[in-house]
Amino acid sequence: MSVLLNRRMLMATSATLAVLIAAAIASLVTGPFRIAPQVVLQTLLGHHSDAMTAQVIFGIRLPRLVTACICGAALAVAGLVFQALLRNPLASEYTLGVSSGAALGAVSAALLHLGSPFATPLAAFVGAIATIVLVLLLARARLAFETNAAIMIGVIFTALANAALSLILSVVSAYELQSFFFWFMGSFAEAEWRALLPAGVAVVVLTAVIYAYAWNLNAIAVDESFAAQVGVSVERTKGVLLLAASLLTAFVVSIAGTIGFVGLVVPHIVRLMVGVDHRRLIPIAALAGAALCVAADLLARTLLAPNELPVGVVTAFIGVPVFVALLRRPRA
């Protein structure tokens, strides 16, 4: 059995890496200014290339690619955590309203023109935490905590937050409209190196924290009573993991806006690939989330070229059919 599981893990890792590498290469060579793959490789290795090629790769396409990888990994791991803690296949940072709450916080900070570079991510974090706390408190208002209630409240809050964002978009100036639309639909077009290093470090650290709780997450995903019986501090574990998942979501929103359905779709795909052990799921989910976002960004740039779609539109077209299928799936 162990050999079979290791083989599945190796195959899943190889397949996911292959998709990610292929999407990354296509992302770097595709665009209005086409660059041959060998030229891209030579430029990345520091060999001589013209100034225009170097600027396109290092100034535009590579930071966009890295942003997509960071955001995809963060959203997939966050969705995995929410689904395990709530034991609900429809739970994700999007359906729980965390993404929309973070976006509302980030837009509010941008609207106030706060000078600090930490204002936007901090406001996104406050919005994300406030949303998950509010959703869970309202879900606990009944005699017993119900995960279905949390999902319904999250969907309702998402609609409310999106309405507030739409209101802001309708009253801001034409000069500010484009930047606020970025928060509403999600995009990697504004990627900058100065924001990527702290975001990347934060995502790696938070993912490592979540991975350290992988065994506890396995127990809680089965049943909280069972988890307590085997020595898991349920409330502490849930608090740490909910905080980490909300932080991951907030970092994504602060650098790329609201990108839905990644945290809903990817966990289901990786469970089919490697089973339900979170010690295997977490690293594969991070890779698969990165691959999905890189591919979605590539499609967003090429489907209606020279016009560009928001990445959130592409992920929605992928995620909505999966969401509907999950709703219609008979319960075991």
C-alpha atoms as a PDB file:
ATOM      1  CA  MET A   1       0.000   0.000   0.000  1.00  0.00           C
ATOM      2  CA  SER A   2       2.835   2.395   0.903  1.00  0.00           C
ATOM      3  CA  VAL A   3       4.578   1.693  -2.410  1.00  0.00           C
ATOM      4  CA  LEU A   4       1.344   2.367  -4.292  1.00  0.00           C
ATOM      5  CA  LEU A   5       0.795   5.663  -2.443  1.00  0.00           C
ATOM      6  CA  ASN A   6       4.378   6.754  -3.107  1.00  0.00           C
ATOM      7  CA  ARG A   7       3.941   5.920  -6.777  1.00  0.00           C
ATOM      8  CA  ARG A   8       0.733   7.965  -6.925  1.00  0.00           C
ATOM      9  CA  MET A   9       2.503  10.866  -5.215  1.00  0.00           C
ATOM     10  CA  LEU A  10       5.412  10.694  -7.646  1.00  0.00           C
ATOM     11  CA  MET A  11       3.095  10.547 -10.656  1.00  0.00           C
ATOM     12  CA  ALA A  12       0.942  13.397  -9.344  1.00  0.00           C
ATOM     13  CA  THR A  13       3.992  15.552  -8.618  1.00  0.00           C
ATOM     14  CA  SER A  14       5.506  14.847 -12.033  1.00  0.00           C
ATOM     15  CA  ALA A  15       2.256  15.555 -13.879  1.00  0.00           C
ATOM     16  CA  THR A  16       1.577  18.775 -11.959  1.00  0.00           C
ATOM     17  CA  LEU A  17       5.130  20.029 -12.429  1.00  0.00           C
ATOM     18  CA  ALA A  18       4.956  19.227 -16.145  1.00  0.00           C
ATOM     19  CA  VAL A  19       1.757  21.269 -16.527  1.00  0.00           C
ATOM     20  CA  LEU A  20       3.217  24.141 -14.502  1.00  0.00           C
ATOM     21  CA  ILE A  21       6.469  24.207 -16.487  1.00  0.00           C
ATOM     22  CA  ALA A  22       4.643  24.023 -19.830  1.00  0.00           C
ATOM     23  CA  ALA A  23       2.260  26.837 -18.827  1.00  0.00           C
ATOM     24  CA  ALA A  24       5.185  28.916 -17.525  1.00  0.00           C
ATOM     25  CA  ILE A  25       7.158  28.551 -20.760  1.00  0.00           C
ATOM     26  CA  ALA A  26       4.087  29.432 -22.817  1.00  0.00           C
ATOM     27  CA  SER A  27       3.468  32.456 -20.583  1.00  0.00           C
ATOM     28  CA  LEU A  28       7.014  33.766 -21.044  1.00  0.00           C
ATOM     29  CA  VAL A  29       7.097  33.375 -24.838  1.00  0.00           C
ATOM     30  CA  THR A  30       3.527  34.520 -25.614  1.00  0.00           C
ATOM     31  CA  GLY A  31       2.490  38.112 -26.052  1.00  0.00           C
ATOM     32  CA  PRO A  32       2.430  41.027 -28.493  1.00  0.00           C
ATOM     33  CA  PHE A  33       6.232  40.909 -28.431  1.00  0.00           C
ATOM     34  CA  ARG A  34       6.965  37.260 -29.253  1.00  0.00           C
ATOM     35  CA  ILE A  35      10.164  35.745 -27.911  1.00  0.00           C
ATOM     36  CA  ALA A  36      11.539  32.348 -28.941  1.00  0.00           C
ATOM     37  CA  PRO A  37      11.844  29.793 -26.105  1.00  0.00           C
ATOM     38  CA  GLN A  38      15.624  29.515 -26.533  1.00  0.00           C
ATOM     39  CA  VAL A  39      15.963  33.289 -26.267  1.00  0.00           C
ATOM     40  CA  VAL A  40      13.900  33.257 -23.061  1.00  0.00           C
ATOM     41  CA  LEU A  41      16.169  30.575 -21.603  1.00  0.00           C
ATOM     42  CA  GLN A  42      19.336  32.452 -22.599  1.00  0.00           C
ATOM     43  CA  THR A  43      17.998  35.678 -21.073  1.00  0.00           C
ATOM     44  CA  LEU A  44      17.018  33.965 -17.806  1.00  0.00           C
ATOM     45  CA  LEU A  45      20.504  32.438 -17.594  1.00  0.00           C
ATOM     46  CA  GLY A  46      22.071  35.892 -17.952  1.00  0.00           C
ATOM     47  CA  HIS A  47      23.392  35.483 -21.464  1.00  0.00           C
ATOM     48  CA  HIS A  48      23.458  38.437 -23.825  1.00  0.00           C
ATOM     49  CA  SER A  49      20.101  39.669 -25.137  1.00  0.00           C
ATOM     50  CA  ASP A  50      18.835  43.001 -26.408  1.00  0.00           C
ATOM     51  CA  ALA A  51      17.451  45.524 -23.932  1.00  0.00           C
ATOM     52  CA  MET A  52      13.876  45.205 -25.165  1.00  0.00           C
ATOM     53  CA  THR A  53      13.810  41.425 -24.676  1.00  0.00           C
ATOM     54  CA  ALA A  54      15.331  41.681 -21.202  1.00  0.00           C
ATOM     55  CA  GLN A  55      12.834  44.381 -20.199  1.00  0.00           C
ATOM     56  CA  VAL A  56       9.836  42.378 -21.414  1.00  0.00           C
ATOM     57  CA  ILE A  57      10.967  39.211 -19.628  1.00  0.00           C
ATOM     58  CA  PHE A  58      12.286  40.635 -16.350  1.00  0.00           C
ATOM     59  CA  GLY A  59      10.052  43.687 -16.112  1.00  0.00           C
ATOM     60  CA  ILE A  60       6.686  42.339 -17.282  1.00  0.00           C
ATOM     61  CA  ARG A  61       6.315  38.620 -17.899  1.00  0.00           C
ATOM     62  CA  LEU A  62       8.461  37.078 -15.161  1.00  0.00           C
ATOM     63  CA  PRO A  63       6.960  39.093 -12.271  1.00  0.00           C
ATOM     64  CA  ARG A  64       3.510  38.287 -13.657  1.00  0.00           C
ATOM     65  CA  LEU A  65       4.402  34.591 -13.797  1.00  0.00           C
ATOM     66  CA  VAL A  66       5.770  34.598 -10.237  1.00  0.00           C
ATOM     67  CA  THR A  67       2.657  36.426  -8.995  1.00  0.00           C
ATOM     68  CA  ALA A  68       0.413  33.811 -10.603  1.00  0.00           C
ATOM     69  CA  CYS A  69       2.411  31.008  -8.936  1.00  0.00           C
ATOM     70  CA  ILE A  70       2.282  32.661  -5.506  1.00  0.00           C
ATOM     71  CA  CYS A  71      -1.430  33.434  -5.724  1.00  0.00           C
ATOM     72  CA  GLY A  72      -2.425  30.048  -7.109  1.00  0.00           C
ATOM     73  CA  ALA A  73      -0.496  28.164  -4.430  1.00  0.00           C
ATOM     74  CA  ALA A  74      -1.910  30.343  -1.642  1.00  0.00           C
ATOM     75  CA  LEU A  75      -5.526  30.071  -2.810  1.00  0.00           C
ATOM     76  CA  ALA A  76      -5.339  26.292  -3.290  1.00  0.00           C
ATOM     77  CA  VAL A  77      -3.847  25.676   0.166  1.00  0.00           C
ATOM     78  CA  ALA A  78      -6.330  28.072   1.792  1.00  0.00           C
ATOM     79  CA  GLY A  79      -9.249  26.308   0.099  1.00  0.00           C
ATOM     80  CA  LEU A  80      -7.907  22.940   1.229  1.00  0.00           C
ATOM     81  CA  VAL A  81      -7.809  24.166   4.834  1.00  0.00           C
ATOM     82  CA  PHE A  82     -11.329  25.605   4.745  1.00  0.00           C
ATOM     83  CA  GLN A  83     -12.769  22.414   3.254  1.00  0.00           C
ATOM     84  CA  ALA A  84     -11.038  20.212   5.836  1.00  0.00           C
ATOM     85  CA  LEU A  85     -11.956  22.347   8.861  1.00  0.00           C
ATOM     86  CA  LEU A  86     -15.590  22.741   7.830  1.00  0.00           C
ATOM     87  CA  ARG A  87     -15.782  19.207   6.377  1.00  0.00           C
ATOM     88  CA  ASN A  88     -17.675  20.618   3.417  1.00  0.00           C
ATOM     89  CA  PRO A  89     -16.658  20.143  -0.245  1.00  0.00           C
ATOM     90  CA  LEU A  90     -18.093  23.549  -1.160  1.00  0.00           C
ATOM     91  CA  ALA A  91     -16.017  25.525   1.352  1.00  0.00           C
ATOM     92  CA  SER A  92     -13.357  27.867   0.021  1.00  0.00           C
ATOM     93  CA  GLU A  93     -12.084  31.388   0.613  1.00  0.00           C
ATOM     94  CA  TYR A  94     -14.493  32.505  -2.141  1.00  0.00           C
ATOM     95  CA  THR A  95     -17.691  30.766  -0.993  1.00  0.00           C
ATOM     96  CA  LEU A  96     -17.025  31.766   2.639  1.00  0.00           C
ATOM     97  CA  GLY A  97     -16.731  35.411   1.612  1.00  0.00           C
ATOM     98  CA  VAL A  98     -13.118  35.765   2.798  1.00  0.00           C
ATOM     99  CA  SER A  99     -11.853  36.915  -0.617  1.00  0.00           C
ATOM    100  CA  SER A 100     -14.599  39.508  -0.951  1.00  0.00           C
ATOM    101  CA  GLY A 101     -14.055  40.742   2.598  1.00  0.00           C
ATOM    102  CA  ALA A 102     -10.337  41.115   1.941  1.00  0.00           C
ATOM    103  CA  ALA A 103     -11.034  42.934  -1.338  1.00  0.00           C
ATOM    104  CA  LEU A 104     -13.419  45.313   0.410  1.00  0.00           C
ATOM    105  CA  GLY A 105     -10.764  46.074   3.024  1.00  0.00           C
ATOM    106  CA  ALA A 106      -8.076  46.615   0.379  1.00  0.00           C
ATOM    107  CA  VAL A 107     -10.300  48.897  -1.702  1.00  0.00           C
ATOM    108  CA  SER A 108     -11.220  50.894   1.406  1.00  0.00           C
ATOM    109  CA  ALA A 109      -7.519  51.445   2.147  1.00  0.00           C
ATOM    110  CA  ALA A 110      -6.861  52.470  -1.463  1.00  0.00           C
ATOM    111  CA  LEU A 111      -9.858  54.820  -1.417  1.00  0.00           C
ATOM    112  CA  LEU A 112      -8.483  56.576   1.677  1.00  0.00           C
ATOM    113  CA  HIS A 113      -5.094  57.024  -0.077  1.00  0.00           C
ATOM    114  CA  LEU A 114      -3.155  55.838   2.954  1.00  0.00           C
ATOM    115  CA  GLY A 115       0.546  56.485   2.470  1.00  0.00           C
ATOM    116  CA  SER A 116       1.978  53.375   4.121  1.00  0.00           C
ATOM    117  CA  PRO A 117       2.958  50.489   1.801  1.00  0.00           C
ATOM    118  CA  PHE A 118       1.575  48.137   4.451  1.00  0.00           C
ATOM    119  CA  ALA A 119      -1.866  49.777   4.476  1.00  0.00           C
ATOM    120  CA  THR A 120      -3.380  47.717   1.662  1.00  0.00           C
ATOM    121  CA  PRO A 121      -2.261  44.235   2.809  1.00  0.00           C
ATOM    122  CA  LEU A 122      -3.144  45.123   6.425  1.00  0.00           C
ATOM    123  CA  ALA A 123      -6.614  46.303   5.409  1.00  0.00           C
ATOM    124  CA  ALA A 124      -7.070  43.153   3.300  1.00  0.00           C
ATOM    125  CA  PHE A 125      -6.074  41.042   6.300  1.00  0.00           C
ATOM    126  CA  VAL A 126      -8.517  42.869   8.586  1.00  0.00           C
ATOM    127  CA  GLY A 127     -11.299  42.396   6.036  1.00  0.00           C
ATOM    128  CA  ALA A 128     -10.520  38.688   5.642  1.00  0.00           C
ATOM    129  CA  ILE A 129     -10.353  37.997   9.389  1.00  0.00           C
ATOM    130  CA  ALA A 130     -13.476  40.040  10.106  1.00  0.00           C
ATOM    131  CA  THR A 131     -15.366  38.127   7.440  1.00  0.00           C
ATOM    132  CA  ILE A 132     -14.425  34.615   8.592  1.00  0.00           C
ATOM    133  CA  VAL A 133     -15.127  35.532  12.234  1.00  0.00           C
ATOM    134  CA  LEU A 134     -18.516  37.007  11.320  1.00  0.00           C
ATOM    135  CA  VAL A 135     -19.476  34.022   9.149  1.00  0.00           C
ATOM    136  CA  LEU A 136     -18.517  31.472  11.805  1.00  0.00           C
ATOM    137  CA  LEU A 137     -20.211  33.423  14.610  1.00  0.00           C
ATOM    138  CA  LEU A 138     -23.453  33.666  12.640  1.00  0.00           C
ATOM    139  CA  ALA A 139     -23.238  29.968  11.801  1.00  0.00           C
ATOM    140  CA  ARG A 140     -22.820  29.187  15.528  1.00  0.00           C
ATOM    141  CA  ALA A 141     -25.900  31.227  16.423  1.00  0.00           C
ATOM    142  CA  ARG A 142     -27.912  28.021  16.128  1.00  0.00           C
ATOM    143  CA  LEU A 143     -27.821  25.271  18.772  1.00  0.00           C
ATOM    144  CA  ALA A 144     -25.085  23.428  16.880  1.00  0.00           C
ATOM    145  CA  PHE A 145     -22.486  24.645  14.444  1.00  0.00           C
ATOM    146  CA  GLU A 146     -23.519  23.728  10.911  1.00  0.00           C
ATOM    147  CA  THR A 147     -21.078  23.915   8.039  1.00  0.00           C
ATOM    148  CA  ASN A 148     -23.902  24.309   5.519  1.00  0.00           C
ATOM    149  CA  ALA A 149     -25.008  27.429   7.391  1.00  0.00           C
ATOM    150  CA  ALA A 150     -21.458  28.798   7.165  1.00  0.00           C
ATOM    151  CA  ILE A 151     -21.436  28.282   3.407  1.00  0.00           C
ATOM    152  CA  MET A 152     -24.822  29.980   2.949  1.00  0.00           C
ATOM    153  CA  ILE A 153     -23.811  32.937   5.123  1.00  0.00           C
ATOM    154  CA  GLY A 154     -20.526  33.197   3.247  1.00  0.00           C
ATOM    155  CA  VAL A 155     -22.284  33.283  -0.119  1.00  0.00           C
ATOM    156  CA  ILE A 156     -24.654  35.962   1.163  1.00  0.00           C
ATOM    157  CA  PHE A 157     -21.752  38.034   2.509  1.00  0.00           C
ATOM    158  CA  THR A 158     -19.923  37.647  -0.810  1.00  0.00           C
ATOM    159  CA  ALA A 159     -22.944  39.095  -2.598  1.00  0.00           C
ATOM    160  CA  LEU A 160     -23.081  41.968  -0.098  1.00  0.00           C
ATOM    161  CA  ALA A 161     -19.365  42.730  -0.389  1.00  0.00           C
ATOM    162  CA  ASN A 162     -19.527  42.577  -4.195  1.00  0.00           C
ATOM    163  CA  ALA A 163     -22.455  45.001  -4.105  1.00  0.00           C
ATOM    164  CA  ALA A 164     -20.382  47.374  -1.970  1.00  0.00           C
ATOM    165  CA  LEU A 165     -17.467  47.052  -4.404  1.00  0.00           C
ATOM    166  CA  SER A 166     -19.818  47.753  -7.321  1.00  0.00           C
ATOM    167  CA  LEU A 167     -21.078  50.845  -5.513  1.00  0.00           C
ATOM    168  CA  ILE A 168     -17.514  52.077  -5.097  1.00  0.00           C
ATOM    169  CA  LEU A 169     -16.807  51.431  -8.783  1.00  0.00           C
ATOM    170  CA  SER A 170     -19.875  53.479  -9.722  1.00  0.00           C
ATOM    171  CA  VAL A 171     -18.857  56.592  -7.784  1.00  0.00           C
ATOM    172  CA  VAL A 172     -15.056  56.773  -8.145  1.00  0.00           C
ATOM    173  CA  SER A 173     -13.448  58.944 -10.776  1.00  0.00           C
ATOM    174  CA  ALA A 174     -12.609  57.622 -14.216  1.00  0.00           C
ATOM    175  CA  TYR A 175      -8.916  57.893 -13.294  1.00  0.00           C
ATOM    176  CA  GLU A 176      -9.377  55.524 -10.328  1.00  0.00           C
ATOM    177  CA  LEU A 177     -11.880  53.211 -12.004  1.00  0.00           C
ATOM    178  CA  GLN A 178      -9.318  50.961 -13.693  1.00  0.00           C
ATOM    179  CA  SER A 179      -7.328  50.332 -10.509  1.00  0.00           C
ATOM    180  CA  PHE A 180     -10.478  49.532  -8.514  1.00  0.00           C
ATOM    181  CA  PHE A 181     -11.774  47.237 -11.248  1.00  0.00           C
ATOM    182  CA  PHE A 182      -8.545  45.284 -10.713  1.00  0.00           C
ATOM    183  CA  TRP A 183      -9.641  44.534  -7.119  1.00  0.00           C
ATOM    184  CA  PHE A 184     -13.110  43.501  -8.252  1.00  0.00           C
ATOM    185  CA  MET A 185     -12.179  40.955 -10.953  1.00  0.00           C
ATOM    186  CA  GLY A 186      -8.585  39.977 -10.225  1.00  0.00           C
ATOM    187  CA  SER A 187      -5.522  40.398 -12.423  1.00  0.00           C
ATOM    188  CA  PHE A 188      -1.783  39.768 -12.453  1.00  0.00           C
ATOM    189  CA  ALA A 189      -1.129  42.697 -14.805  1.00  0.00           C
ATOM    190  CA  GLU A 190      -0.018  45.003 -11.959  1.00  0.00           C
ATOM    191  CA  ALA A 191       2.667  42.583 -10.712  1.00  0.00           C
ATOM    192  CA  GLU A 192       5.745  44.328  -9.260  1.00  0.00           C
ATOM    193  CA  TRP A 193       8.920  42.825  -7.844  1.00  0.00           C
ATOM    194  CA  ARG A 194       8.797  44.987  -4.711  1.00  0.00           C
ATOM    195  CA  ALA A 195       5.521  43.339  -3.640  1.00  0.00           C
ATOM    196  CA  LEU A 196       6.472  39.809  -4.633  1.00  0.00           C
ATOM    197  CA  LEU A 197       9.301  39.151  -2.173  1.00  0.00           C
ATOM    198  CA  PRO A 198       7.328  39.821   1.044  1.00  0.00           C
ATOM    199  CA  ALA A 199       4.231  38.106  -0.378  1.00  0.00           C
ATOM    200  CA  GLY A 200       6.237  35.083  -1.497  1.00  0.00           C
ATOM    201  CA  VAL A 201       7.988  34.740   1.869  1.00  0.00           C
ATOM    202  CA  ALA A 202       4.665  35.078   3.696  1.00  0.00           C
ATOM    203  CA  VAL A 203       3.005  32.410   1.535  1.00  0.00           C
ATOM    204  CA  VAL A 204       5.909  29.982   2.054  1.00  0.00           C
ATOM    205  CA  VAL A 205       5.907  30.533   5.832  1.00  0.00           C
ATOM    206  CA  LEU A 206       2.121  30.207   6.159  1.00  0.00           C
ATOM    207  CA  THR A 207       2.078  27.082   3.985  1.00  0.00           C
ATOM    208  CA  ALA A 208       4.826  25.590   6.165  1.00  0.00           C
ATOM    209  CA  VAL A 209       2.747  26.352   9.280  1.00  0.00           C
ATOM    210  CA  ILE A 210      -0.272  24.663   7.726  1.00  0.00           C
ATOM    211  CA  TYR A 211       1.836  21.671   6.715  1.00  0.00           C
ATOM    212  CA  ALA A 212       3.056  21.338  10.301  1.00  0.00           C
ATOM    213  CA  TYR A 213      -0.593  20.803  11.280  1.00  0.00           C
ATOM    214  CA  ALA A 214      -1.277  18.338   8.452  1.00  0.00           C
ATOM    215  CA  TRP A 215      -1.790  15.329  10.727  1.00  0.00           C
ATOM    216  CA  ASN A 216      -4.112  17.340  13.001  1.00  0.00           C
ATOM    217  CA  LEU A 217      -5.983  18.474   9.910  1.00  0.00           C
ATOM    218  CA  ASN A 218      -6.468  14.839   8.888  1.00  0.00           C
ATOM    219  CA  ALA A 219      -8.060  14.078  12.261  1.00  0.00           C
ATOM    220  CA  ILE A 220     -10.327  17.148  12.256  1.00  0.00           C
ATOM    221  CA  ALA A 221     -11.422  16.402   8.692  1.00  0.00           C
ATOM    222  CA  VAL A 222     -12.746  13.045   9.942  1.00  0.00           C
ATOM    223  CA  ASP A 223     -14.515  14.330  13.061  1.00  0.00           C
ATOM    224  CA  GLU A 224     -13.744  16.846  15.795  1.00  0.00           C
ATOM    225  CA  SER A 225     -14.635  14.385  18.556  1.00  0.00           C
ATOM    226  CA  PHE A 226     -12.288  11.812  17.059  1.00  0.00           C
ATOM    227  CA  ALA A 227      -9.560  14.455  16.778  1.00  0.00           C
ATOM    228  CA  ALA A 228      -9.923  15.325  20.464  1.00  0.00           C
ATOM    229  CA  GLN A 229      -9.771  11.631  21.408  1.00  0.00           C
ATOM    230  CA  VAL A 230      -6.431  11.177  19.624  1.00  0.00           C
ATOM    231  CA  GLY A 231      -4.899  14.164  21.385  1.00  0.00           C
ATOM    232  CA  VAL A 232      -5.515  17.047  18.983  1.00  0.00           C
ATOM    233  CA  SER A 233      -6.193  20.443  20.541  1.00  0.00           C
ATOM    234  CA  VAL A 234      -9.151  21.099  18.261  1.00  0.00           C
ATOM    235  CA  GLU A 235      -9.942  24.728  19.054  1.00  0.00           C
ATOM    236  CA  ARG A 236      -6.306  25.816  19.003  1.00  0.00           C
ATOM    237  CA  THR A 237      -5.650  23.977  15.725  1.00  0.00           C
ATOM    238  CA  LYS A 238      -8.743  25.464  14.101  1.00  0.00           C
ATOM    239  CA  GLY A 239      -7.795  28.940  15.256  1.00  0.00           C
ATOM    240  CA  VAL A 240      -4.241  28.701  13.911  1.00  0.00           C
ATOM    241  CA  LEU A 241      -5.334  27.196  10.584  1.00  0.00           C
ATOM    242  CA  LEU A 242      -8.237  29.612  10.041  1.00  0.00           C
ATOM    243  CA  LEU A 243      -5.871  32.505  10.736  1.00  0.00           C
ATOM    244  CA  ALA A 244      -3.240  31.113   8.350  1.00  0.00           C
ATOM    245  CA  ALA A 245      -5.769  30.439   5.563  1.00  0.00           C
ATOM    246  CA  SER A 246      -7.301  33.915   5.950  1.00  0.00           C
ATOM    247  CA  LEU A 247      -3.825  35.466   5.840  1.00  0.00           C
ATOM    248  CA  LEU A 248      -3.029  33.565   2.636  1.00  0.00           C
ATOM    249  CA  THR A 249      -6.224  34.912   1.095  1.00  0.00           C
ATOM    250  CA  ALA A 250      -5.454  38.453   2.232  1.00  0.00           C
ATOM    251  CA  PHE A 251      -1.976  38.397   0.672  1.00  0.00           C
ATOM    252  CA  VAL A 252      -3.445  37.214  -2.641  1.00  0.00           C
ATOM    253  CA  VAL A 253      -6.079  39.951  -2.639  1.00  0.00           C
ATOM    254  CA  SER A 254      -3.490  42.606  -1.756  1.00  0.00           C
ATOM    255  CA  ILE A 255      -1.370  41.839  -4.849  1.00  0.00           C
ATOM    256  CA  ALA A 256      -3.881  40.411  -7.361  1.00  0.00           C
ATOM    257  CA  GLY A 257      -7.436  41.272  -6.340  1.00  0.00           C
ATOM    258  CA  THR A 258     -10.281  38.782  -6.052  1.00  0.00           C
ATOM    259  CA  ILE A 259      -9.700  35.503  -7.901  1.00  0.00           C
ATOM    260  CA  GLY A 260     -12.446  32.994  -7.286  1.00  0.00           C
ATOM    261  CA  PHE A 261     -12.874  29.237  -7.527  1.00  0.00           C
ATOM    262  CA  VAL A 262      -9.185  28.251  -7.356  1.00  0.00           C
ATOM    263  CA  GLY A 263      -9.568  27.204  -3.718  1.00  0.00           C
ATOM    264  CA  LEU A 264     -12.742  25.314  -4.575  1.00  0.00           C
ATOM    265  CA  VAL A 265     -11.593  23.388  -7.638  1.00  0.00           C
ATOM    266  CA  VAL A 266      -7.973  22.481  -6.906  1.00  0.00           C
ATOM    267  CA  PRO A 267      -8.510  20.554  -3.609  1.00  0.00           C
ATOM    268  CA  HIS A 268     -10.991  18.221  -5.324  1.00  0.00           C
ATOM    269  CA  ILE A 269      -8.598  17.588  -8.208  1.00  0.00           C
ATOM    270  CA  VAL A 270      -5.653  16.755  -5.950  1.00  0.00           C
ATOM    271  CA  ARG A 271      -7.744  14.469  -3.736  1.00  0.00           C
ATOM    272  CA  LEU A 272      -8.508  12.415  -6.818  1.00  0.00           C
ATOM    273  CA  MET A 273      -4.776  12.294  -7.523  1.00  0.00           C
ATOM    274  CA  VAL A 274      -3.237  11.457  -4.117  1.00  0.00           C
ATOM    275  CA  GLY A 275      -6.036  10.649  -1.666  1.00  0.00           C
ATOM    276  CA  VAL A 276      -7.080  12.483   1.502  1.00  0.00           C
ATOM    277  CA  ASP A 277      -3.853  12.651   3.534  1.00  0.00           C
ATOM    278  CA  HIS A 278      -3.031  16.346   3.923  1.00  0.00           C
ATOM    279  CA  ARG A 279       0.677  15.572   4.220  1.00  0.00           C
ATOM    280  CA  ARG A 280       0.453  14.700   0.525  1.00  0.00           C
ATOM    281  CA  LEU A 281      -2.356  17.073  -0.406  1.00  0.00           C
ATOM    282  CA  ILE A 282      -0.769  20.347   0.716  1.00  0.00           C
ATOM    283  CA  PRO A 283       2.359  20.327  -1.512  1.00  0.00           C
ATOM    284  CA  ILE A 284       0.470  18.972  -4.529  1.00  0.00           C
ATOM    285  CA  ALA A 285      -2.332  21.505  -4.032  1.00  0.00           C
ATOM    286  CA  ALA A 286       0.229  24.329  -3.990  1.00  0.00           C
ATOM    287  CA  LEU A 287       1.751  23.126  -7.271  1.00  0.00           C
ATOM    288  CA  ALA A 288      -1.649  22.532  -8.889  1.00  0.00           C
ATOM    289  CA  GLY A 289      -2.947  25.946  -7.780  1.00  0.00           C
ATOM    290  CA  ALA A 290       0.117  27.616  -9.263  1.00  0.00           C
ATOM    291  CA  ALA A 291      -0.332  25.703 -12.533  1.00  0.00           C
ATOM    292  CA  LEU A 292      -4.022  26.639 -12.735  1.00  0.00           C
ATOM    293  CA  CYS A 293      -3.381  30.348 -12.174  1.00  0.00           C
ATOM    294  CA  VAL A 294      -0.504  30.456 -14.666  1.00  0.00           C
ATOM    295  CA  ALA A 295      -2.699  28.720 -17.274  1.00  0.00           C
ATOM    296  CA  ALA A 296      -5.656  31.016 -16.458  1.00  0.00           C
ATOM    297  CA  ASP A 297      -3.451  34.095 -16.846  1.00  0.00           C
ATOM    298  CA  LEU A 298      -2.181  32.800 -20.185  1.00  0.00           C
ATOM    299  CA  LEU A 299      -5.757  32.325 -21.385  1.00  0.00           C
ATOM    300  CA  ALA A 300      -6.731  35.755 -20.065  1.00  0.00           C
ATOM    301  CA  ARG A 301      -3.974  37.346 -22.174  1.00  0.00           C
ATOM    302  CA  THR A 302      -4.576  35.363 -25.374  1.00  0.00           C
ATOM    303  CA  LEU A 303      -8.278  34.527 -25.755  1.00  0.00           C
ATOM    304  CA  LEU A 304      -9.301  38.036 -26.850  1.00  0.00           C
ATOM    305  CA  ALA A 305      -5.864  39.424 -27.758  1.00  0.00           C
ATOM    306  CA  PRO A 306      -4.952  42.238 -27.995  1.00  0.00           C
ATOM    307  CA  ASN A 307      -7.603  42.824 -25.304  1.00  0.00           C
ATOM    308  CA  GLU A 308      -7.085  41.143 -21.939  1.00  0.00           C
ATOM    309  CA  LEU A 309      -9.626  39.375 -19.743  1.00  0.00           C
ATOM    310  CA  PRO A 310      -9.500  39.600 -15.944  1.00  0.00           C
ATOM    311  CA  VAL A 311      -8.060  36.392 -14.499  1.00  0.00           C
ATOM    312  CA  GLY A 312     -11.088  36.111 -12.210  1.00  0.00           C
ATOM    313  CA  VAL A 313     -13.309  35.752 -15.282  1.00  0.00           C
ATOM    314  CA  VAL A 314     -11.268  32.818 -16.588  1.00  0.00           C
ATOM    315  CA  THR A 315     -11.180  31.018 -13.217  1.00  0.00           C
ATOM    316  CA  ALA A 316     -14.928  31.580 -12.866  1.00  0.00           C
ATOM    317  CA  PHE A 317     -15.608  29.932 -16.233  1.00  0.00           C
ATOM    318  CA  ILE A 318     -13.580  26.969 -14.999  1.00  0.00           C
ATOM    319  CA  GLY A 319     -14.977  26.910 -11.475  1.00  0.00           C
ATOM    320  CA  VAL A 320     -18.687  27.505 -11.958  1.00  0.00           C
ATOM    321  CA  PRO A 321     -19.366  24.193 -13.778  1.00  0.00           C
ATOM    322  CA  VAL A 322     -17.422  22.369 -11.048  1.00  0.00           C
ATOM    323  CA  PHE A 323     -19.387  24.231  -8.371  1.00  0.00           C
ATOM    324  CA  VAL A 324     -22.691  23.239  -9.988  1.00  0.00           C
ATOM    325  CA  ALA A 325     -21.534  19.621 -10.319  1.00  0.00           C
ATOM    326  CA  LEU A 326     -20.662  19.556  -6.618  1.00  0.00           C
ATOM    327  CA  LEU A 327     -24.082  20.923  -5.684  1.00  0.00           C
ATOM    328  CA  ARG A 328     -25.786  18.240  -7.761  1.00  0.00           C
ATOM    329  CA  ARG A 329     -23.576  15.387  -6.565  1.00  0.00           C
ATOM    330  CA  PRO A 330     -25.569  12.874  -4.488  1.00  0.00           C
ATOM    331  CA  ARG A 331     -24.458  12.546  -0.895  1.00  0.00           C
ATOM    332  CA  ALA A 332     -22.904   9.294   0.226  1.00  0.00           C
END
